[in-house]
PDB file of N, CA and C in Angstrom:
ATOM      1  N   UNK A   1      15.666  63.439  35.040  1.00  0.00           N
ATOM      2  CA  UNK A   1      14.453  64.176  34.802  1.00  0.00           C
ATOM      3  C   UNK A   1      13.262  63.312  35.238  1.00  0.00           C
ATOM      4  N   UNK A   2      12.311  63.894  35.954  1.00  0.00           N
ATOM      5  CA  UNK A   2      11.149  63.173  36.447  1.00  0.00           C
ATOM      6  C   UNK A   2      10.090  63.050  35.359  1.00  0.00           C
ATOM      7  N   UNK A   3       9.566  61.855  35.212  1.00  0.00           N
ATOM      8  CA  UNK A   3       8.520  61.618  34.201  1.00  0.00           C
ATOM      9  C   UNK A   3       7.221  62.270  34.648  1.00  0.00           C
ATOM     10  N   UNK A   4       6.558  62.910  33.717  1.00  0.00           N
ATOM     11  CA  UNK A   4       5.262  63.534  33.995  1.00  0.00           C
ATOM     12  C   UNK A   4       4.163  62.508  33.739  1.00  0.00           C
ATOM     13  N   UNK A   5       3.131  62.506  34.583  1.00  0.00           N
ATOM     14  CA  UNK A   5       2.054  61.551  34.361  1.00  0.00           C
ATOM     15  C   UNK A   5       1.341  61.839  33.045  1.00  0.00           C
ATOM     16  N   UNK A   6       0.791  60.788  32.442  1.00  0.00           N
ATOM     17  CA  UNK A   6       0.062  60.967  31.197  1.00  0.00           C
ATOM     18  C   UNK A   6      -1.160  61.852  31.393  1.00  0.00           C
ATOM     19  N   UNK A   7      -1.774  61.747  32.543  1.00  0.00           N
ATOM     20  CA  UNK A   7      -2.935  62.560  32.844  1.00  0.00           C
ATOM     21  C   UNK A   7      -2.642  63.373  34.102  1.00  0.00           C
ATOM     22  N   UNK A   8      -2.133  64.605  33.955  1.00  0.00           N
ATOM     23  CA  UNK A   8      -1.756  65.393  35.132  1.00  0.00           C
ATOM     24  C   UNK A   8      -2.938  65.706  36.044  1.00  0.00           C
ATOM     25  N   UNK A   9      -4.147  65.638  35.516  1.00  0.00           N
ATOM     26  CA  UNK A   9      -5.327  65.915  36.329  1.00  0.00           C
ATOM     27  C   UNK A   9      -5.703  64.727  37.213  1.00  0.00           C
ATOM     28  N   UNK A  10      -5.113  63.558  36.967  1.00  0.00           N
ATOM     29  CA  UNK A  10      -5.473  62.346  37.699  1.00  0.00           C
ATOM     30  C   UNK A  10      -5.276  62.499  39.208  1.00  0.00           C
ATOM     31  N   UNK A  11      -4.174  63.095  39.631  1.00  0.00           N
ATOM     32  CA  UNK A  11      -3.931  63.269  41.064  1.00  0.00           C
ATOM     33  C   UNK A  11      -4.942  64.216  41.687  1.00  0.00           C
ATOM     34  N   UNK A  12      -5.296  65.271  40.981  1.00  0.00           N
ATOM     35  CA  UNK A  12      -6.310  66.209  41.469  1.00  0.00           C
ATOM     36  C   UNK A  12      -7.653  65.497  41.563  1.00  0.00           C
ATOM     37  N   UNK A  13      -7.958  64.716  40.549  1.00  0.00           N
ATOM     38  CA  UNK A  13      -9.215  63.972  40.526  1.00  0.00           C
ATOM     39  C   UNK A  13      -9.296  62.994  41.703  1.00  0.00           C
ATOM     40  N   UNK A  14      -8.228  62.286  41.990  1.00  0.00           N
ATOM     41  CA  UNK A  14      -8.196  61.366  43.124  1.00  0.00           C
ATOM     42  C   UNK A  14      -8.416  62.107  44.434  1.00  0.00           C
ATOM     43  N   UNK A  15      -7.793  63.255  44.553  1.00  0.00           N
ATOM     44  CA  UNK A  15      -7.948  64.056  45.765  1.00  0.00           C
ATOM     45  C   UNK A  15      -9.383  64.545  45.927  1.00  0.00           C
ATOM     46  N   UNK A  16      -9.995  64.979  44.829  1.00  0.00           N
ATOM     47  CA  UNK A  16     -11.389  65.430  44.881  1.00  0.00           C
ATOM     48  C   UNK A  16     -12.331  64.285  45.243  1.00  0.00           C
ATOM     49  N   UNK A  17     -12.132  63.130  44.636  1.00  0.00           N
ATOM     50  CA  UNK A  17     -12.964  61.965  44.962  1.00  0.00           C
ATOM     51  C   UNK A  17     -12.860  61.618  46.439  1.00  0.00           C
ATOM     52  N   UNK A  18     -11.639  61.613  46.976  1.00  0.00           N
ATOM     53  CA  UNK A  18     -11.438  61.293  48.389  1.00  0.00           C
ATOM     54  C   UNK A  18     -12.103  62.337  49.278  1.00  0.00           C
ATOM     55  N   UNK A  19     -12.004  63.608  48.892  1.00  0.00           N
ATOM     56  CA  UNK A  19     -12.628  64.678  49.665  1.00  0.00           C
ATOM     57  C   UNK A  19     -14.136  64.566  49.693  1.00  0.00           C
ATOM     58  N   UNK A  20     -14.728  64.316  48.540  1.00  0.00           N
ATOM     59  CA  UNK A  20     -16.180  64.156  48.467  1.00  0.00           C
ATOM     60  C   UNK A  20     -16.613  62.978  49.321  1.00  0.00           C
ATOM     61  N   UNK A  21     -15.909  61.878  49.186  1.00  0.00           N
ATOM     62  CA  UNK A  21     -16.270  60.673  49.917  1.00  0.00           C
ATOM     63  C   UNK A  21     -16.150  60.867  51.424  1.00  0.00           C
ATOM     64  N   UNK A  22     -15.147  61.583  51.878  1.00  0.00           N
ATOM     65  CA  UNK A  22     -14.957  61.740  53.321  1.00  0.00           C
ATOM     66  C   UNK A  22     -15.816  62.853  53.919  1.00  0.00           C
ATOM     67  N   UNK A  23     -16.063  63.913  53.177  1.00  0.00           N
ATOM     68  CA  UNK A  23     -16.792  65.058  53.729  1.00  0.00           C
ATOM     69  C   UNK A  23     -18.304  64.989  53.521  1.00  0.00           C
ATOM     70  N   UNK A  24     -18.763  64.330  52.468  1.00  0.00           N
ATOM     71  CA  UNK A  24     -20.186  64.312  52.160  1.00  0.00           C
ATOM     72  C   UNK A  24     -20.856  62.966  52.419  1.00  0.00           C
ATOM     73  N   UNK A  25     -20.093  61.990  52.820  1.00  0.00           N
ATOM     74  CA  UNK A  25     -20.653  60.655  53.055  1.00  0.00           C
ATOM     75  C   UNK A  25     -21.715  60.697  54.150  1.00  0.00           C
ATOM     76  N   UNK A  26     -22.819  60.005  53.905  1.00  0.00           N
ATOM     77  CA  UNK A  26     -23.865  59.912  54.918  1.00  0.00           C
ATOM     78  C   UNK A  26     -24.080  58.464  55.374  1.00  0.00           C
ATOM     79  N   UNK A  27     -23.216  57.564  54.906  1.00  0.00           N
ATOM     80  CA  UNK A  27     -23.282  56.159  55.291  1.00  0.00           C
ATOM     81  C   UNK A  27     -21.889  55.552  55.141  1.00  0.00           C
ATOM     82  N   UNK A  28     -21.715  54.384  55.720  1.00  0.00           N
ATOM     83  CA  UNK A  28     -20.447  53.659  55.632  1.00  0.00           C
ATOM     84  C   UNK A  28     -20.704  52.295  55.002  1.00  0.00           C
ATOM     85  N   UNK A  29     -19.828  51.901  54.099  1.00  0.00           N
ATOM     86  CA  UNK A  29     -19.973  50.614  53.417  1.00  0.00           C
ATOM     87  C   UNK A  29     -18.726  49.766  53.623  1.00  0.00           C
ATOM     88  N   UNK A  30     -18.928  48.447  53.467  1.00  0.00           N
ATOM     89  CA  UNK A  30     -17.839  47.479  53.529  1.00  0.00           C
ATOM     90  C   UNK A  30     -18.074  46.483  52.404  1.00  0.00           C
ATOM     91  N   UNK A  31     -17.002  46.162  51.681  1.00  0.00           N
ATOM     92  CA  UNK A  31     -17.093  45.190  50.589  1.00  0.00           C
ATOM     93  C   UNK A  31     -16.137  44.041  50.885  1.00  0.00           C
ATOM     94  N   UNK A  32     -16.662  42.830  50.889  1.00  0.00           N
ATOM     95  CA  UNK A  32     -15.871  41.606  51.105  1.00  0.00           C
ATOM     96  C   UNK A  32     -15.044  41.653  52.389  1.00  0.00           C
ATOM     97  N   UNK A  33     -15.600  42.254  53.437  1.00  0.00           N
ATOM     98  CA  UNK A  33     -14.921  42.304  54.725  1.00  0.00           C
ATOM     99  C   UNK A  33     -13.744  43.255  54.785  1.00  0.00           C
ATOM    100  N   UNK A  34     -13.580  44.105  53.785  1.00  0.00           N
ATOM    101  CA  UNK A  34     -12.460  45.044  53.738  1.00  0.00           C
ATOM    102  C   UNK A  34     -12.646  46.231  54.674  1.00  0.00           C
ATOM    103  N   UNK A  35     -11.863  47.242  54.441  1.00  0.00           N
ATOM    104  CA  UNK A  35     -11.923  48.458  55.247  1.00  0.00           C
ATOM    105  C   UNK A  35     -13.207  49.233  54.953  1.00  0.00           C
ATOM    106  N   UNK A  36     -13.846  49.799  55.972  1.00  0.00           N
ATOM    107  CA  UNK A  36     -15.029  50.629  55.744  1.00  0.00           C
ATOM    108  C   UNK A  36     -14.663  51.894  54.970  1.00  0.00           C
ATOM    109  N   UNK A  37     -15.596  52.374  54.159  1.00  0.00           N
ATOM    110  CA  UNK A  37     -15.391  53.611  53.405  1.00  0.00           C
ATOM    111  C   UNK A  37     -16.707  54.366  53.326  1.00  0.00           C
ATOM    112  N   UNK A  38     -16.598  55.678  53.161  1.00  0.00           N
ATOM    113  CA  UNK A  38     -17.776  56.528  53.102  1.00  0.00           C
ATOM    114  C   UNK A  38     -18.472  56.442  51.756  1.00  0.00           C
ATOM    115  N   UNK A  39     -19.809  56.483  51.788  1.00  0.00           N
ATOM    116  CA  UNK A  39     -20.626  56.467  50.574  1.00  0.00           C
ATOM    117  C   UNK A  39     -21.732  57.509  50.705  1.00  0.00           C
ATOM    118  N   UNK A  40     -22.287  57.875  49.567  1.00  0.00           N
ATOM    119  CA  UNK A  40     -23.445  58.752  49.548  1.00  0.00           C
ATOM    120  C   UNK A  40     -24.655  57.869  49.261  1.00  0.00           C
ATOM    121  N   UNK A  41     -25.468  57.639  50.278  1.00  0.00           N
ATOM    122  CA  UNK A  41     -26.643  56.779  50.166  1.00  0.00           C
ATOM    123  C   UNK A  41     -27.861  57.647  49.916  1.00  0.00           C
ATOM    124  N   UNK A  42     -28.640  57.289  48.915  1.00  0.00           N
ATOM    125  CA  UNK A  42     -29.833  58.064  48.573  1.00  0.00           C
ATOM    126  C   UNK A  42     -31.028  57.125  48.473  1.00  0.00           C
ATOM    127  N   UNK A  43     -32.115  57.535  49.055  1.00  0.00           N
ATOM    128  CA  UNK A  43     -33.361  56.760  49.012  1.00  0.00           C
ATOM    129  C   UNK A  43     -34.414  57.637  48.353  1.00  0.00           C
ATOM    130  N   UNK A  44     -34.879  57.211  47.195  1.00  0.00           N
ATOM    131  CA  UNK A  44     -35.914  57.959  46.485  1.00  0.00           C
ATOM    132  C   UNK A  44     -37.111  57.054  46.251  1.00  0.00           C
ATOM    133  N   UNK A  45     -38.219  57.659  45.965  1.00  0.00           N
ATOM    134  CA  UNK A  45     -39.428  56.899  45.684  1.00  0.00           C
ATOM    135  C   UNK A  45     -39.364  56.382  44.254  1.00  0.00           C
ATOM    136  N   UNK A  46     -39.661  55.105  44.094  1.00  0.00           N
ATOM    137  CA  UNK A  46     -39.702  54.507  42.761  1.00  0.00           C
ATOM    138  C   UNK A  46     -41.126  54.041  42.510  1.00  0.00           C
ATOM    139  N   UNK A  47     -41.794  54.671  41.596  1.00  0.00           N
ATOM    140  CA  UNK A  47     -43.189  54.374  41.301  1.00  0.00           C
ATOM    141  C   UNK A  47     -43.257  53.393  40.133  1.00  0.00           C
ATOM    142  N   UNK A  48     -42.675  52.210  40.336  1.00  0.00           N
ATOM    143  CA  UNK A  48     -42.557  51.261  39.220  1.00  0.00           C
ATOM    144  C   UNK A  48     -43.863  50.555  38.882  1.00  0.00           C
ATOM    145  N   UNK A  49     -44.836  50.577  39.775  1.00  0.00           N
ATOM    146  CA  UNK A  49     -46.108  49.894  39.530  1.00  0.00           C
ATOM    147  C   UNK A  49     -47.287  50.864  39.499  1.00  0.00           C
ATOM    148  N   UNK A  50     -47.044  52.103  39.152  1.00  0.00           N
ATOM    149  CA  UNK A  50     -48.112  53.089  39.126  1.00  0.00           C
ATOM    150  C   UNK A  50     -48.488  53.491  40.544  1.00  0.00           C
ATOM    151  N   UNK A  51     -49.679  53.989  40.719  1.00  0.00           N
ATOM    152  CA  UNK A  51     -50.129  54.480  42.024  1.00  0.00           C
ATOM    153  C   UNK A  51     -50.415  53.342  43.000  1.00  0.00           C
ATOM    154  N   UNK A  52     -50.485  52.105  42.530  1.00  0.00           N
ATOM    155  CA  UNK A  52     -50.831  50.973  43.384  1.00  0.00           C
ATOM    156  C   UNK A  52     -49.738  50.636  44.397  1.00  0.00           C
ATOM    157  N   UNK A  53     -48.484  50.757  44.010  1.00  0.00           N
ATOM    158  CA  UNK A  53     -47.374  50.380  44.886  1.00  0.00           C
ATOM    159  C   UNK A  53     -46.293  51.445  44.811  1.00  0.00           C
ATOM    160  N   UNK A  54     -45.811  51.853  45.965  1.00  0.00           N
ATOM    161  CA  UNK A  54     -44.716  52.817  46.019  1.00  0.00           C
ATOM    162  C   UNK A  54     -43.550  52.138  46.723  1.00  0.00           C
ATOM    163  N   UNK A  55     -42.444  52.009  46.053  1.00  0.00           N
ATOM    164  CA  UNK A  55     -41.273  51.367  46.636  1.00  0.00           C
ATOM    165  C   UNK A  55     -40.128  52.364  46.735  1.00  0.00           C
ATOM    166  N   UNK A  56     -39.155  52.040  47.549  1.00  0.00           N
ATOM    167  CA  UNK A  56     -37.985  52.897  47.681  1.00  0.00           C
ATOM    168  C   UNK A  56     -36.878  52.396  46.773  1.00  0.00           C
ATOM    169  N   UNK A  57     -36.272  53.305  46.048  1.00  0.00           N
ATOM    170  CA  UNK A  57     -35.108  52.977  45.229  1.00  0.00           C
ATOM    171  C   UNK A  57     -33.873  53.450  45.990  1.00  0.00           C
ATOM    172  N   UNK A  58     -32.961  52.545  46.253  1.00  0.00           N
ATOM    173  CA  UNK A  58     -31.736  52.882  46.971  1.00  0.00           C
ATOM    174  C   UNK A  58     -30.571  52.955  46.003  1.00  0.00           C
ATOM    175  N   UNK A  59     -29.828  54.042  46.084  1.00  0.00           N
ATOM    176  CA  UNK A  59     -28.595  54.145  45.306  1.00  0.00           C
ATOM    177  C   UNK A  59     -27.470  54.515  46.255  1.00  0.00           C
ATOM    178  N   UNK A  60     -26.275  54.099  45.886  1.00  0.00           N
ATOM    179  CA  UNK A  60     -25.095  54.395  46.665  1.00  0.00           C
ATOM    180  C   UNK A  60     -24.010  54.862  45.696  1.00  0.00           C
ATOM    181  N   UNK A  61     -23.347  55.955  46.032  1.00  0.00           N
ATOM    182  CA  UNK A  61     -22.310  56.524  45.166  1.00  0.00           C
ATOM    183  C   UNK A  61     -20.991  56.589  45.930  1.00  0.00           C
ATOM    184  N   UNK A  62     -19.898  56.261  45.223  1.00  0.00           N
ATOM    185  CA  UNK A  62     -18.578  56.278  45.843  1.00  0.00           C
ATOM    186  C   UNK A  62     -17.516  56.060  44.761  1.00  0.00           C
ATOM    187  N   UNK A  63     -16.259  56.135  45.156  1.00  0.00           N
ATOM    188  CA  UNK A  63     -15.145  55.880  44.248  1.00  0.00           C
ATOM    189  C   UNK A  63     -14.974  54.366  44.096  1.00  0.00           C
ATOM    190  N   UNK A  64     -15.029  53.882  42.867  1.00  0.00           N
ATOM    191  CA  UNK A  64     -15.008  52.442  42.572  1.00  0.00           C
ATOM    192  C   UNK A  64     -13.736  51.747  43.079  1.00  0.00           C
ATOM    193  N   UNK A  65     -12.671  52.495  43.310  1.00  0.00           N
ATOM    194  CA  UNK A  65     -11.423  51.898  43.799  1.00  0.00           C
ATOM    195  C   UNK A  65     -11.612  51.197  45.142  1.00  0.00           C
ATOM    196  N   UNK A  66     -12.668  51.548  45.879  1.00  0.00           N
ATOM    197  CA  UNK A  66     -12.943  50.920  47.173  1.00  0.00           C
ATOM    198  C   UNK A  66     -13.502  49.512  47.050  1.00  0.00           C
ATOM    199  N   UNK A  67     -13.981  49.146  45.865  1.00  0.00           N
ATOM    200  CA  UNK A  67     -14.641  47.841  45.713  1.00  0.00           C
ATOM    201  C   UNK A  67     -14.155  47.110  44.462  1.00  0.00           C
ATOM    202  N   UNK A  68     -12.886  46.743  44.412  1.00  0.00           N
ATOM    203  CA  UNK A  68     -12.402  46.028  43.229  1.00  0.00           C
ATOM    204  C   UNK A  68     -13.185  44.740  43.005  1.00  0.00           C
ATOM    205  N   UNK A  69     -13.592  44.516  41.782  1.00  0.00           N
ATOM    206  CA  UNK A  69     -14.293  43.300  41.426  1.00  0.00           C
ATOM    207  C   UNK A  69     -15.792  43.315  41.674  1.00  0.00           C
ATOM    208  N   UNK A  70     -16.334  44.418  42.162  1.00  0.00           N
ATOM    209  CA  UNK A  70     -17.779  44.447  42.417  1.00  0.00           C
ATOM    210  C   UNK A  70     -18.534  44.383  41.096  1.00  0.00           C
ATOM    211  N   UNK A  71     -19.668  43.688  41.110  1.00  0.00           N
ATOM    212  CA  UNK A  71     -20.478  43.540  39.900  1.00  0.00           C
ATOM    213  C   UNK A  71     -21.930  43.346  40.311  1.00  0.00           C
ATOM    214  N   UNK A  72     -22.801  43.327  39.343  1.00  0.00           N
ATOM    215  CA  UNK A  72     -24.210  43.069  39.612  1.00  0.00           C
ATOM    216  C   UNK A  72     -24.334  41.734  40.341  1.00  0.00           C
ATOM    217  N   UNK A  73     -25.095  41.728  41.440  1.00  0.00           N
ATOM    218  CA  UNK A  73     -25.249  40.526  42.249  1.00  0.00           C
ATOM    219  C   UNK A  73     -24.303  40.472  43.434  1.00  0.00           C
ATOM    220  N   UNK A  74     -23.296  41.356  43.464  1.00  0.00           N
ATOM    221  CA  UNK A  74     -22.360  41.385  44.590  1.00  0.00           C
ATOM    222  C   UNK A  74     -23.045  41.924  45.839  1.00  0.00           C
ATOM    223  N   UNK A  75     -22.459  41.607  46.974  1.00  0.00           N
ATOM    224  CA  UNK A  75     -22.975  42.097  48.253  1.00  0.00           C
ATOM    225  C   UNK A  75     -22.147  43.290  48.720  1.00  0.00           C
ATOM    226  N   UNK A  76     -22.839  44.299  49.226  1.00  0.00           N
ATOM    227  CA  UNK A  76     -22.224  45.489  49.787  1.00  0.00           C
ATOM    228  C   UNK A  76     -22.928  45.761  51.111  1.00  0.00           C
ATOM    229  N   UNK A  77     -22.189  45.790  52.204  1.00  0.00           N
ATOM    230  CA  UNK A  77     -22.777  46.040  53.514  1.00  0.00           C
ATOM    231  C   UNK A  77     -22.764  47.546  53.755  1.00  0.00           C
ATOM    232  N   UNK A  78     -23.960  48.106  53.929  1.00  0.00           N
ATOM    233  CA  UNK A  78     -24.105  49.551  54.118  1.00  0.00           C
ATOM    234  C   UNK A  78     -24.705  49.796  55.492  1.00  0.00           C
ATOM    235  N   UNK A  79     -23.965  50.515  56.339  1.00  0.00           N
ATOM    236  CA  UNK A  79     -24.383  50.786  57.718  1.00  0.00           C
ATOM    237  C   UNK A  79     -24.821  49.507  58.430  1.00  0.00           C
ATOM    238  N   UNK A  80     -24.077  48.428  58.210  1.00  0.00           N
ATOM    239  CA  UNK A  80     -24.321  47.169  58.886  1.00  0.00           C
ATOM    240  C   UNK A  80     -25.397  46.287  58.279  1.00  0.00           C
ATOM    241  N   UNK A  81     -26.026  46.738  57.189  1.00  0.00           N
ATOM    242  CA  UNK A  81     -27.083  45.972  56.539  1.00  0.00           C
ATOM    243  C   UNK A  81     -26.585  45.485  55.184  1.00  0.00           C
ATOM    244  N   UNK A  82     -26.675  44.184  54.940  1.00  0.00           N
ATOM    245  CA  UNK A  82     -26.232  43.624  53.663  1.00  0.00           C
ATOM    246  C   UNK A  82     -27.186  44.026  52.552  1.00  0.00           C
ATOM    247  N   UNK A  83     -26.628  44.497  51.443  1.00  0.00           N
ATOM    248  CA  UNK A  83     -27.389  44.873  50.254  1.00  0.00           C
ATOM    249  C   UNK A  83     -26.812  44.136  49.048  1.00  0.00           C
ATOM    250  N   UNK A  84     -27.644  43.916  48.055  1.00  0.00           N
ATOM    251  CA  UNK A  84     -27.223  43.300  46.804  1.00  0.00           C
ATOM    252  C   UNK A  84     -27.220  44.369  45.716  1.00  0.00           C
ATOM    253  N   UNK A  85     -26.170  44.397  44.924  1.00  0.00           N
ATOM    254  CA  UNK A  85     -26.101  45.314  43.779  1.00  0.00           C
ATOM    255  C   UNK A  85     -27.049  44.773  42.717  1.00  0.00           C
ATOM    256  N   UNK A  86     -28.038  45.593  42.327  1.00  0.00           N
ATOM    257  CA  UNK A  86     -29.097  45.107  41.446  1.00  0.00           C
ATOM    258  C   UNK A  86     -29.001  45.604  40.012  1.00  0.00           C
ATOM    259  N   UNK A  87     -27.968  46.337  39.698  1.00  0.00           N
ATOM    260  CA  UNK A  87     -27.820  46.827  38.332  1.00  0.00           C
ATOM    261  C   UNK A  87     -26.380  46.752  37.883  1.00  0.00           C
ATOM    262  N   UNK A  88     -26.133  47.165  36.655  1.00  0.00           N
ATOM    263  CA  UNK A  88     -24.762  47.115  36.131  1.00  0.00           C
ATOM    264  C   UNK A  88     -23.836  48.073  36.874  1.00  0.00           C
ATOM    265  N   UNK A  89     -22.561  47.730  36.895  1.00  0.00           N
ATOM    266  CA  UNK A  89     -21.533  48.555  37.529  1.00  0.00           C
ATOM    267  C   UNK A  89     -20.756  49.245  36.419  1.00  0.00           C
ATOM    268  N   UNK A  90     -21.007  50.534  36.246  1.00  0.00           N
ATOM    269  CA  UNK A  90     -20.360  51.291  35.180  1.00  0.00           C
ATOM    270  C   UNK A  90     -19.824  52.607  35.739  1.00  0.00           C
ATOM    271  N   UNK A  91     -18.565  52.610  36.199  1.00  0.00           N
ATOM    272  CA  UNK A  91     -17.994  53.848  36.730  1.00  0.00           C
ATOM    273  C   UNK A  91     -17.845  54.894  35.630  1.00  0.00           C
ATOM    274  N   UNK A  92     -17.860  56.165  36.041  1.00  0.00           N
ATOM    275  CA  UNK A  92     -17.631  57.231  35.073  1.00  0.00           C
ATOM    276  C   UNK A  92     -16.130  57.378  34.829  1.00  0.00           C
ATOM    277  N   UNK A  93     -15.753  58.304  34.011  1.00  0.00           N
ATOM    278  CA  UNK A  93     -14.346  58.480  33.628  1.00  0.00           C
ATOM    279  C   UNK A  93     -13.463  58.849  34.816  1.00  0.00           C
ATOM    280  N   UNK A  94     -14.043  59.414  35.855  1.00  0.00           N
ATOM    281  CA  UNK A  94     -13.277  59.804  37.029  1.00  0.00           C
ATOM    282  C   UNK A  94     -13.182  58.719  38.090  1.00  0.00           C
ATOM    283  N   UNK A  95     -13.792  57.557  37.836  1.00  0.00           N
ATOM    284  CA  UNK A  95     -13.724  56.468  38.787  1.00  0.00           C
ATOM    285  C   UNK A  95     -14.837  56.477  39.824  1.00  0.00           C
ATOM    286  N   UNK A  96     -15.847  57.299  39.615  1.00  0.00           N
ATOM    287  CA  UNK A  96     -16.986  57.384  40.521  1.00  0.00           C
ATOM    288  C   UNK A  96     -18.099  56.498  39.979  1.00  0.00           C
ATOM    289  N   UNK A  97     -18.835  55.826  40.861  1.00  0.00           N
ATOM    290  CA  UNK A  97     -19.887  54.922  40.449  1.00  0.00           C
ATOM    291  C   UNK A  97     -21.148  55.198  41.274  1.00  0.00           C
ATOM    292  N   UNK A  98     -22.300  55.035  40.649  1.00  0.00           N
ATOM    293  CA  UNK A  98     -23.587  55.087  41.345  1.00  0.00           C
ATOM    294  C   UNK A  98     -24.250  53.732  41.118  1.00  0.00           C
ATOM    295  N   UNK A  99     -24.492  53.002  42.215  1.00  0.00           N
ATOM    296  CA  UNK A  99     -25.066  51.665  42.123  1.00  0.00           C
ATOM    297  C   UNK A  99     -26.462  51.633  42.712  1.00  0.00           C
ATOM    298  N   UNK A 100     -27.325  50.859  42.097  1.00  0.00           N
ATOM    299  CA  UNK A 100     -28.629  50.590  42.671  1.00  0.00           C
ATOM    300  C   UNK A 100     -28.483  49.342  43.533  1.00  0.00           C
ATOM    301  N   UNK A 101     -28.974  49.424  44.763  1.00  0.00           N
ATOM    302  CA  UNK A 101     -28.845  48.309  45.696  1.00  0.00           C
ATOM    303  C   UNK A 101     -30.217  47.992  46.313  1.00  0.00           C
ATOM    304  N   UNK A 102     -30.323  46.784  46.848  1.00  0.00           N
ATOM    305  CA  UNK A 102     -31.549  46.355  47.501  1.00  0.00           C
ATOM    306  C   UNK A 102     -31.162  45.550  48.736  1.00  0.00           C
ATOM    307  N   UNK A 103     -31.827  45.784  49.881  1.00  0.00           N
ATOM    308  CA  UNK A 103     -31.473  45.005  51.066  1.00  0.00           C
ATOM    309  C   UNK A 103     -31.591  43.511  50.821  1.00  0.00           C
ATOM    310  N   UNK A 104     -30.607  42.785  51.299  1.00  0.00           N
ATOM    311  CA  UNK A 104     -30.593  41.335  51.125  1.00  0.00           C
ATOM    312  C   UNK A 104     -31.626  40.712  52.066  1.00  0.00           C
ATOM    313  N   UNK A 105     -32.368  39.780  51.544  1.00  0.00           N
ATOM    314  CA  UNK A 105     -33.411  39.132  52.357  1.00  0.00           C
ATOM    315  C   UNK A 105     -32.840  38.069  53.248  1.00  0.00           C
TER     316      UNK A 105
END
């Protein structure tokens, strides 16, 4: 008799994550020289200093399985440009993560 997975939805969830990443990705990332993978890169206005300064807030979303060991301060190369992860890495229950990044100087 074949054992049933503890979470039968896990395989569906993995398939959905892969589909989103491959079909909706608007950028490509590489972590620690590994294989490139699709990410959803978003650039929004961050008005952190009031009307005096307007900066861009960059976020990148993808399945965390692509970047084992990534943490705040890690480097992620997005479309050939090195970025630093500037916030905590907290994936959701489905293994999807949204990270705030900043171009490395």
